[in-house]
Amino acid sequence: MFYLIIILIIILSGILVLLILGQNSKGGASQMFGGSSANQIFGVKKTGDFLEQATWFCAISIIVLTIATRFFLDTSKKEEGVLSPNIQKAQETTIPNQQPPQ
């Protein structure tokens, strides 16, 4: 499940980049997909509204999925019982010639 969320984040990030690049105020996506005929059919305002809403949807989805990965990461660490190989090694090592305090 963790890897599926990571793949979704990568895909949404790519879509978000394309949506942002399409929001050029001097034509942008409307000019790319047919020039002025697209403006007559959909209208400039409707295209801008759709791109803006899709941008917000992708951005919020990426934030939510990123927070979700944190929860999946916590549960996988608890199941293993080891937080870090360095912490485990530090707990196993003993200091040589250690004198108890008097």
Protein backbone atom coordinates (compact mmCIF):
# COMPACT_ATOMS: atom_id res chain seq x y z
CA MET A 1 0.00 0.00 0.00
CA PHE A 2 2.89 2.35 0.78
CA TYR A 3 4.35 1.97 -2.71
CA LEU A 4 0.95 2.49 -4.33
CA ILE A 5 0.62 5.83 -2.54
CA ILE A 6 4.12 6.84 -3.62
CA ILE A 7 3.28 6.01 -7.25
CA LEU A 8 0.06 8.06 -6.99
CA ILE A 9 2.03 11.01 -5.60
CA ILE A 10 4.47 10.84 -8.52
CA ILE A 11 1.66 10.67 -11.10
CA LEU A 12 -0.25 13.54 -9.47
CA SER A 13 2.95 15.61 -9.34
CA GLY A 14 3.42 15.19 -13.08
CA ILE A 15 -0.18 16.14 -13.75
CA LEU A 16 0.19 19.15 -11.45
CA VAL A 17 3.22 20.37 -13.41
CA LEU A 18 1.28 20.07 -16.68
CA LEU A 19 -1.71 21.91 -15.23
CA ILE A 20 0.45 24.75 -13.96
CA LEU A 21 2.22 25.07 -17.30
CA GLY A 22 -1.16 25.19 -19.03
CA GLN A 23 -2.30 28.18 -16.97
CA ASN A 24 -0.51 30.79 -19.04
CA SER A 25 -2.52 34.00 -18.98
CA LYS A 26 -1.75 34.69 -22.66
CA GLY A 27 -3.37 31.61 -24.15
CA GLY A 28 -1.83 28.65 -22.41
CA ALA A 29 -3.75 25.43 -22.84
CA SER A 30 -6.49 27.05 -24.93
CA GLN A 31 -4.02 28.06 -27.60
CA MET A 32 -2.25 24.72 -27.49
CA PHE A 33 -5.42 22.76 -28.18
CA GLY A 34 -6.82 24.54 -31.19
CA GLY A 35 -6.15 28.24 -30.86
CA SER A 36 -9.10 30.59 -31.11
CA SER A 37 -11.65 27.88 -32.00
CA ALA A 38 -11.25 26.39 -28.51
CA ASN A 39 -11.92 29.83 -27.03
CA GLN A 40 -15.16 30.09 -28.98
CA ILE A 41 -16.41 26.65 -27.92
CA PHE A 42 -15.45 26.53 -24.24
CA GLY A 43 -14.69 30.15 -23.53
CA VAL A 44 -11.54 31.42 -21.90
CA LYS A 45 -13.10 31.70 -18.44
CA LYS A 46 -14.36 28.10 -18.37
CA THR A 47 -10.96 26.72 -19.40
CA GLY A 48 -9.25 28.80 -16.71
CA ASP A 49 -11.74 27.68 -14.07
CA PHE A 50 -11.24 24.02 -14.93
CA LEU A 51 -7.45 24.30 -14.86
CA GLU A 52 -7.56 26.15 -11.55
CA GLN A 53 -9.89 23.61 -9.94
CA ALA A 54 -7.83 20.70 -11.25
CA THR A 55 -4.66 22.34 -9.92
CA TRP A 56 -6.17 22.72 -6.46
CA PHE A 57 -7.45 19.14 -6.52
CA CYS A 58 -4.01 17.76 -7.43
CA ALA A 59 -2.22 19.91 -4.85
CA ILE A 60 -4.57 18.94 -2.02
CA SER A 61 -4.44 15.28 -3.07
CA ILE A 62 -0.64 15.30 -2.95
CA ILE A 63 -0.69 16.82 0.55
CA VAL A 64 -3.20 14.26 1.82
CA LEU A 65 -1.29 11.34 0.28
CA THR A 66 1.97 12.62 1.74
CA ILE A 67 0.42 12.69 5.21
CA ALA A 68 -0.97 9.19 4.60
CA THR A 69 2.52 7.87 3.81
CA ARG A 70 3.64 9.07 7.23
CA PHE A 71 1.01 6.89 8.91
CA PHE A 72 1.94 3.86 6.80
CA LEU A 73 5.60 4.45 7.60
CA ASP A 74 4.85 4.52 11.35
CA THR A 75 2.89 1.26 11.27
CA SER A 76 5.57 -0.57 9.33
CA LYS A 77 8.23 0.50 11.85
CA LYS A 78 6.14 -0.65 14.82
CA GLU A 79 5.65 -4.09 13.31
CA GLU A 80 9.37 -4.62 12.81
CA GLY A 81 10.23 -3.52 16.34
CA VAL A 82 13.46 -1.82 15.25
CA LEU A 83 13.53 1.91 14.75
CA SER A 84 16.96 2.15 13.18
CA PRO A 85 19.96 -0.14 12.69
CA ASN A 86 22.12 2.52 14.36
CA ILE A 87 19.90 2.67 17.45
CA GLN A 88 19.89 -1.12 17.70
CA LYS A 89 23.69 -1.26 17.40
CA ALA A 90 24.11 1.46 20.04
CA GLN A 91 21.90 -0.47 22.44
CA GLU A 92 23.89 -3.67 21.95
CA THR A 93 27.36 -2.16 22.41
CA THR A 94 28.98 -1.95 25.81
CA ILE A 95 31.68 0.43 26.93
CA PRO A 96 34.90 -1.45 27.83
CA ASN A 97 36.48 -0.91 31.27
CA GLN A 98 33.37 0.78 32.57
CA GLN A 99 33.69 1.49 36.29
CA PRO A 100 30.53 1.90 38.35
CA PRO A 101 30.28 5.29 40.08
CA GLN A 102 31.31 5.31 43.77
